[in-house]
């Protein structure tokens, strides 16, 4: 999960640094009046802003899906816990019922079953 986030931030950072290095090189080469108004600079900033917004939207979608999966798994875990508790209760009831049956009746039932299964 986190590698996706790290990859997105790495991509943003490398693009930002690439643009920053390019801007530094251009400022060293170009005269100052050139930078007073340059329409392309606004386009680069808008492109970076849009790319960042896309990455943020993607990360928010991913986070929402992970939260939905976590909630679903939590519901499943609660349902399984409830089923487990019910089965334990039934087992305890069956064991209690078994202890109430006299030993003679159990032996008689076992003899009958042995005769049937032969």
Protein backbone atom coordinates (compact mmCIF):
# COMPACT_ATOMS: atom_id res chain seq x y z
CA UNK A 1 0.00 0.00 0.00
CA UNK A 2 2.59 2.49 1.05
CA UNK A 3 4.79 1.85 -1.96
CA UNK A 4 2.07 3.33 -4.18
CA UNK A 5 2.02 6.49 -2.11
CA UNK A 6 5.81 6.65 -2.07
CA UNK A 7 5.94 6.13 -5.84
CA UNK A 8 3.42 8.94 -6.44
CA UNK A 9 5.29 11.37 -4.23
CA UNK A 10 8.59 10.36 -5.83
CA UNK A 11 7.10 11.05 -9.26
CA UNK A 12 5.81 14.44 -8.15
CA UNK A 13 9.10 15.34 -6.51
CA UNK A 14 11.20 14.36 -9.53
CA UNK A 15 8.95 16.35 -11.86
CA UNK A 16 9.08 19.34 -9.54
CA UNK A 17 12.87 19.14 -9.21
CA UNK A 18 13.27 18.73 -12.96
CA UNK A 19 11.26 21.91 -13.50
CA UNK A 20 13.17 23.72 -10.74
CA UNK A 21 16.57 22.75 -12.19
CA UNK A 22 15.42 23.87 -15.61
CA UNK A 23 14.20 27.18 -14.17
CA UNK A 24 17.56 27.75 -12.42
CA UNK A 25 19.47 27.04 -15.63
CA UNK A 26 17.22 29.38 -17.61
CA UNK A 27 17.58 32.19 -15.07
CA UNK A 28 21.37 31.93 -15.36
CA UNK A 29 21.21 32.12 -19.15
CA UNK A 30 18.32 34.50 -19.84
CA UNK A 31 18.32 38.22 -19.01
CA UNK A 32 16.08 39.50 -16.20
CA UNK A 33 13.54 41.34 -18.42
CA UNK A 34 12.66 38.02 -20.04
CA UNK A 35 11.13 36.83 -16.75
CA UNK A 36 8.92 39.82 -16.15
CA UNK A 37 6.11 38.14 -18.05
CA UNK A 38 6.37 34.69 -19.55
CA UNK A 39 3.10 32.89 -20.35
CA UNK A 40 4.75 29.46 -20.46
CA UNK A 41 5.68 29.66 -16.79
CA UNK A 42 2.04 29.81 -15.75
CA UNK A 43 1.32 26.81 -17.95
CA UNK A 44 4.05 24.78 -16.22
CA UNK A 45 2.67 25.72 -12.80
CA UNK A 46 -0.86 24.86 -13.92
CA UNK A 47 0.35 21.52 -15.30
CA UNK A 48 2.12 20.71 -12.04
CA UNK A 49 -0.96 21.76 -10.06
CA UNK A 50 -3.22 19.55 -12.18
CA UNK A 51 -0.82 16.62 -11.89
CA UNK A 52 -0.67 17.07 -8.12
CA UNK A 53 -4.47 17.27 -7.91
CA UNK A 54 -4.73 14.07 -9.96
CA UNK A 55 -2.29 12.28 -7.66
CA UNK A 56 -4.16 13.52 -4.58
CA UNK A 57 -7.48 12.38 -6.06
CA UNK A 58 -5.96 8.99 -6.82
CA UNK A 59 -4.59 8.67 -3.31
CA UNK A 60 -7.94 9.69 -1.81
CA UNK A 61 -9.71 7.07 -3.95
CA UNK A 62 -7.20 4.46 -2.88
CA UNK A 63 -7.60 5.43 0.79
CA UNK A 64 -11.39 5.26 0.50
CA UNK A 65 -11.19 1.76 -1.03
CA UNK A 66 -8.82 0.57 1.69
CA UNK A 67 -11.15 1.96 4.37
CA UNK A 68 -14.13 0.22 2.73
CA UNK A 69 -12.21 -3.06 2.63
CA UNK A 70 -11.24 -2.66 6.28
CA UNK A 71 -14.87 -2.02 7.27
CA UNK A 72 -16.03 -5.06 5.29
CA UNK A 73 -13.37 -7.26 6.87
CA UNK A 74 -14.36 -5.95 10.30
CA UNK A 75 -18.00 -6.91 9.63
CA UNK A 76 -16.91 -10.38 8.46
CA UNK A 77 -14.75 -10.84 11.55
CA UNK A 78 -17.66 -9.86 13.81
CA UNK A 79 -19.98 -12.29 12.00
CA UNK A 80 -17.44 -15.11 12.34
CA UNK A 81 -16.95 -14.31 16.02
CA UNK A 82 -20.71 -14.44 16.57
CA UNK A 83 -20.94 -17.78 14.72
CA UNK A 84 -18.03 -19.15 16.79
CA UNK A 85 -19.71 -18.11 20.03
CA UNK A 86 -22.97 -19.77 18.95
CA UNK A 87 -21.15 -23.00 18.07
CA UNK A 88 -19.37 -23.02 21.42
CA UNK A 89 -22.72 -22.53 23.15
CA UNK A 90 -24.27 -25.43 21.20
CA UNK A 91 -21.28 -27.66 22.03
CA UNK A 92 -21.57 -26.86 25.72
CA UNK A 93 -25.31 -27.61 25.63
CA UNK A 94 -24.68 -30.93 23.84
CA UNK A 95 -22.01 -31.93 26.36
CA UNK A 96 -24.31 -31.03 29.26
CA UNK A 97 -27.12 -33.06 27.68
CA UNK A 98 -24.77 -36.00 27.12
CA UNK A 99 -23.78 -36.02 30.80
CA UNK A 100 -27.44 -36.22 31.81
CA UNK A 101 -28.00 -39.50 29.94
CA UNK A 102 -27.41 -42.54 32.20
CA UNK A 103 -24.46 -44.76 31.35
CA UNK A 104 -26.71 -47.81 30.96
CA UNK A 105 -28.71 -46.10 28.20
CA UNK A 106 -25.54 -45.13 26.33
CA UNK A 107 -24.25 -48.72 26.48
CA UNK A 108 -27.60 -50.04 25.27
CA UNK A 109 -27.63 -47.59 22.34
CA UNK A 110 -24.05 -48.55 21.46
CA UNK A 111 -24.98 -52.27 21.43
CA UNK A 112 -27.96 -51.62 19.16
CA UNK A 113 -25.81 -49.55 16.79
CA UNK A 114 -23.16 -52.27 16.71
CA UNK A 115 -25.81 -54.86 15.76
CA UNK A 116 -27.19 -52.59 13.03
CA UNK A 117 -23.80 -51.80 11.50
CA UNK A 118 -22.62 -55.43 11.33
